[in-house]
């Protein structure tokens, strides 16, 4: 019996999701607590989607981490410069 070929993109995406969690939790040092809570809630939603897509659509999983990063980056940059966080 032949094995199905496993796409590496699901693993790449999950690794990126782990990195995104560290970014989100690291925000607690520079942002108000509620911003960190919102980031973690967003991460939980993205992680739930990533686990659902891991087998049927592994090539989509890295995009979820990218979406999380694209929300995190401008929020932290604008918050730090315009709102005076940290």
N, C-alpha and C. Protein backbone atom coordinates (compact mmCIF):
# COMPACT_ATOMS: atom_id res chain seq x y z
N UNK A 1 0.84 -1.17 0.00
CA UNK A 1 0.00 0.00 0.00
C UNK A 1 0.89 1.24 0.00
N UNK A 2 0.62 2.14 -0.90
CA UNK A 2 1.43 3.35 -1.03
C UNK A 2 0.92 4.42 -0.07
N UNK A 3 1.84 5.15 0.48
CA UNK A 3 1.49 6.27 1.35
C UNK A 3 1.16 7.50 0.52
N UNK A 4 0.27 8.31 1.04
CA UNK A 4 -0.03 9.58 0.39
C UNK A 4 1.09 10.56 0.67
N UNK A 5 1.42 11.37 -0.31
CA UNK A 5 2.48 12.36 -0.13
C UNK A 5 1.99 13.45 0.81
N UNK A 6 2.83 13.78 1.79
CA UNK A 6 2.49 14.78 2.79
C UNK A 6 3.11 16.11 2.38
N UNK A 7 2.28 17.13 2.35
CA UNK A 7 2.76 18.46 1.99
C UNK A 7 3.47 19.10 3.18
N UNK A 8 4.63 19.73 2.97
CA UNK A 8 5.32 20.37 4.09
C UNK A 8 4.69 21.70 4.51
N UNK A 9 3.78 22.24 3.72
CA UNK A 9 3.26 23.58 4.00
C UNK A 9 2.41 23.62 5.27
N UNK A 10 1.77 22.54 5.62
CA UNK A 10 1.03 22.51 6.88
C UNK A 10 1.97 22.68 8.07
N UNK A 11 3.13 22.03 8.01
CA UNK A 11 4.11 22.14 9.09
C UNK A 11 4.74 23.53 9.12
N UNK A 12 4.99 24.08 7.95
CA UNK A 12 5.53 25.45 7.87
C UNK A 12 4.54 26.42 8.48
N UNK A 13 3.28 26.26 8.16
CA UNK A 13 2.25 27.14 8.69
C UNK A 13 2.09 27.02 10.19
N UNK A 14 2.15 25.80 10.71
CA UNK A 14 2.03 25.62 12.16
C UNK A 14 3.25 26.19 12.89
N UNK A 15 4.42 26.07 12.28
CA UNK A 15 5.60 26.70 12.87
C UNK A 15 5.47 28.21 12.88
N UNK A 16 4.92 28.76 11.81
CA UNK A 16 4.69 30.20 11.75
C UNK A 16 3.63 30.62 12.77
N UNK A 17 2.64 29.79 12.99
CA UNK A 17 1.63 30.09 14.00
C UNK A 17 2.25 30.12 15.39
N UNK A 18 3.19 29.22 15.65
CA UNK A 18 3.88 29.22 16.94
C UNK A 18 4.69 30.51 17.11
N UNK A 19 5.36 30.94 16.06
CA UNK A 19 6.10 32.20 16.12
C UNK A 19 5.17 33.38 16.34
N UNK A 20 4.02 33.35 15.70
CA UNK A 20 3.04 34.42 15.86
C UNK A 20 2.54 34.49 17.30
N UNK A 21 2.37 33.34 17.94
CA UNK A 21 1.94 33.34 19.34
C UNK A 21 2.97 34.05 20.21
N UNK A 22 4.26 33.82 19.98
CA UNK A 22 5.30 34.51 20.74
C UNK A 22 5.26 36.02 20.50
N UNK A 23 5.00 36.44 19.27
CA UNK A 23 4.86 37.87 18.99
C UNK A 23 3.67 38.45 19.75
N UNK A 24 2.55 37.73 19.71
CA UNK A 24 1.35 38.20 20.39
C UNK A 24 1.57 38.32 21.89
N UNK A 25 2.17 37.31 22.49
CA UNK A 25 2.41 37.35 23.93
C UNK A 25 3.47 38.37 24.31
N UNK A 26 4.43 38.60 23.43
CA UNK A 26 5.45 39.61 23.69
C UNK A 26 4.92 41.02 23.65
N UNK A 27 3.76 41.19 23.08
CA UNK A 27 3.14 42.51 23.02
C UNK A 27 2.75 43.00 24.41
N UNK A 28 2.62 42.10 25.36
CA UNK A 28 2.23 42.47 26.72
C UNK A 28 3.23 43.44 27.35
N UNK A 29 4.45 43.45 26.86
CA UNK A 29 5.47 44.35 27.41
C UNK A 29 5.33 45.78 26.93
N UNK A 30 4.66 45.98 25.79
CA UNK A 30 4.60 47.34 25.23
C UNK A 30 3.19 47.87 25.04
N UNK A 31 2.19 47.01 25.09
CA UNK A 31 0.82 47.43 24.81
C UNK A 31 -0.05 47.23 26.05
N UNK A 32 -1.19 47.89 26.08
CA UNK A 32 -2.13 47.63 27.17
C UNK A 32 -2.57 46.16 27.18
N UNK A 33 -3.00 45.69 28.33
CA UNK A 33 -3.35 44.28 28.49
C UNK A 33 -4.46 43.84 27.54
N UNK A 34 -5.39 44.72 27.26
CA UNK A 34 -6.53 44.33 26.43
C UNK A 34 -6.11 44.11 24.98
N UNK A 35 -5.05 44.77 24.53
CA UNK A 35 -4.55 44.55 23.18
C UNK A 35 -3.96 43.14 23.08
N UNK A 36 -3.22 42.74 24.09
CA UNK A 36 -2.65 41.39 24.11
C UNK A 36 -3.75 40.35 24.14
N UNK A 37 -4.79 40.59 24.92
CA UNK A 37 -5.91 39.65 24.98
C UNK A 37 -6.57 39.52 23.60
N UNK A 38 -6.77 40.64 22.92
CA UNK A 38 -7.36 40.58 21.57
C UNK A 38 -6.47 39.84 20.58
N UNK A 39 -5.16 40.05 20.69
CA UNK A 39 -4.23 39.33 19.81
C UNK A 39 -4.31 37.82 20.07
N UNK A 40 -4.36 37.43 21.33
CA UNK A 40 -4.41 36.00 21.66
C UNK A 40 -5.75 35.40 21.20
N UNK A 41 -6.83 36.14 21.35
CA UNK A 41 -8.11 35.64 20.86
C UNK A 41 -8.10 35.46 19.34
N UNK A 42 -7.51 36.42 18.63
CA UNK A 42 -7.37 36.28 17.18
C UNK A 42 -6.51 35.07 16.85
N UNK A 43 -5.43 34.87 17.61
CA UNK A 43 -4.55 33.72 17.37
C UNK A 43 -5.31 32.41 17.58
N UNK A 44 -6.14 32.36 18.60
CA UNK A 44 -6.91 31.13 18.86
C UNK A 44 -7.86 30.81 17.70
N UNK A 45 -8.48 31.84 17.15
CA UNK A 45 -9.36 31.63 16.00
C UNK A 45 -8.55 31.14 14.80
N UNK A 46 -7.42 31.80 14.54
CA UNK A 46 -6.58 31.39 13.41
C UNK A 46 -6.03 29.98 13.61
N UNK A 47 -5.67 29.64 14.85
CA UNK A 47 -5.14 28.31 15.14
C UNK A 47 -6.21 27.24 14.95
N UNK A 48 -7.44 27.55 15.34
CA UNK A 48 -8.53 26.59 15.13
C UNK A 48 -8.74 26.34 13.64
N UNK A 49 -8.68 27.40 12.84
CA UNK A 49 -8.81 27.24 11.39
C UNK A 49 -7.62 26.45 10.84
N UNK A 50 -6.43 26.75 11.35
CA UNK A 50 -5.22 26.05 10.88
C UNK A 50 -5.29 24.56 11.17
N UNK A 51 -5.81 24.17 12.33
CA UNK A 51 -5.91 22.75 12.63
C UNK A 51 -6.95 22.07 11.74
N UNK A 52 -7.99 22.79 11.38
CA UNK A 52 -9.00 22.22 10.48
C UNK A 52 -8.45 22.07 9.06
N UNK A 53 -7.58 22.97 8.63
CA UNK A 53 -7.04 22.96 7.28
C UNK A 53 -5.75 22.14 7.15
N UNK A 54 -5.20 21.66 8.26
CA UNK A 54 -3.87 21.03 8.24
C UNK A 54 -3.80 19.86 7.26
N UNK A 55 -4.80 19.01 7.25
CA UNK A 55 -4.77 17.85 6.35
C UNK A 55 -5.42 18.15 4.99
N UNK A 56 -6.64 18.72 4.95
CA UNK A 56 -7.24 18.89 3.62
C UNK A 56 -6.65 20.02 2.79
N UNK A 57 -6.16 21.09 3.43
CA UNK A 57 -5.63 22.24 2.69
C UNK A 57 -4.34 22.74 3.33
N UNK A 58 -3.28 21.95 3.34
CA UNK A 58 -2.06 22.38 4.04
C UNK A 58 -1.39 23.60 3.42
N UNK A 59 -1.62 23.84 2.13
CA UNK A 59 -0.98 24.99 1.49
C UNK A 59 -1.61 26.31 1.92
N UNK A 60 -2.76 26.29 2.57
CA UNK A 60 -3.41 27.51 3.04
C UNK A 60 -2.96 27.91 4.45
N UNK A 61 -2.42 27.00 5.21
CA UNK A 61 -2.10 27.25 6.62
C UNK A 61 -1.09 28.39 6.80
N UNK A 62 -0.03 28.50 6.00
CA UNK A 62 0.89 29.62 6.20
C UNK A 62 0.23 30.99 6.02
N UNK A 63 -0.80 31.05 5.20
CA UNK A 63 -1.48 32.33 5.00
C UNK A 63 -2.20 32.80 6.26
N UNK A 64 -2.62 31.87 7.09
CA UNK A 64 -3.26 32.26 8.35
C UNK A 64 -2.26 32.97 9.26
N UNK A 65 -1.04 32.45 9.32
CA UNK A 65 -0.01 33.12 10.11
C UNK A 65 0.32 34.48 9.51
N UNK A 66 0.31 34.56 8.21
CA UNK A 66 0.57 35.84 7.54
C UNK A 66 -0.54 36.85 7.87
N UNK A 67 -1.77 36.41 7.89
CA UNK A 67 -2.88 37.30 8.26
C UNK A 67 -2.68 37.80 9.69
N UNK A 68 -2.35 36.91 10.59
CA UNK A 68 -2.11 37.32 11.98
C UNK A 68 -0.97 38.32 12.09
N UNK A 69 0.09 38.10 11.33
CA UNK A 69 1.22 39.03 11.36
C UNK A 69 0.84 40.38 10.76
N UNK A 70 0.04 40.35 9.70
CA UNK A 70 -0.37 41.60 9.06
C UNK A 70 -1.36 42.39 9.91
N UNK A 71 -1.97 41.77 10.87
CA UNK A 71 -2.79 42.50 11.85
C UNK A 71 -1.90 43.00 12.98
N UNK A 72 -0.96 42.16 13.42
CA UNK A 72 -0.10 42.49 14.55
C UNK A 72 0.82 43.67 14.24
N UNK A 73 1.50 43.64 13.10
CA UNK A 73 2.52 44.63 12.79
C UNK A 73 2.00 46.07 12.78
N UNK A 74 0.98 46.41 11.99
CA UNK A 74 0.53 47.80 12.01
C UNK A 74 -0.07 48.22 13.35
N UNK A 75 -0.68 47.28 14.05
CA UNK A 75 -1.25 47.61 15.35
C UNK A 75 -0.15 48.01 16.33
N UNK A 76 0.93 47.27 16.35
CA UNK A 76 2.03 47.57 17.27
C UNK A 76 2.76 48.84 16.83
N UNK A 77 2.98 49.00 15.54
CA UNK A 77 3.70 50.19 15.05
C UNK A 77 2.89 51.45 15.31
N UNK A 78 1.63 51.44 14.95
CA UNK A 78 0.79 52.62 15.16
C UNK A 78 0.56 52.86 16.64
N UNK A 79 0.33 51.80 17.38
CA UNK A 79 0.13 51.94 18.81
C UNK A 79 1.34 52.51 19.54
N UNK A 80 2.51 52.06 19.13
CA UNK A 80 3.73 52.54 19.78
C UNK A 80 4.05 53.98 19.41
N UNK A 81 3.84 54.34 18.15
CA UNK A 81 4.22 55.69 17.72
C UNK A 81 3.12 56.71 17.95
N UNK A 82 1.89 56.38 17.63
CA UNK A 82 0.80 57.36 17.71
C UNK A 82 0.13 57.41 19.07
N UNK A 83 0.02 56.26 19.73
CA UNK A 83 -0.71 56.21 20.99
C UNK A 83 0.20 56.23 22.23
N UNK A 84 1.49 56.15 22.00
CA UNK A 84 2.45 56.26 23.10
C UNK A 84 2.54 55.04 23.99
N UNK A 85 2.31 53.85 23.42
CA UNK A 85 2.49 52.65 24.24
C UNK A 85 3.96 52.49 24.55
N UNK A 86 4.24 51.89 25.68
CA UNK A 86 5.60 51.55 26.04
C UNK A 86 6.43 52.72 26.27
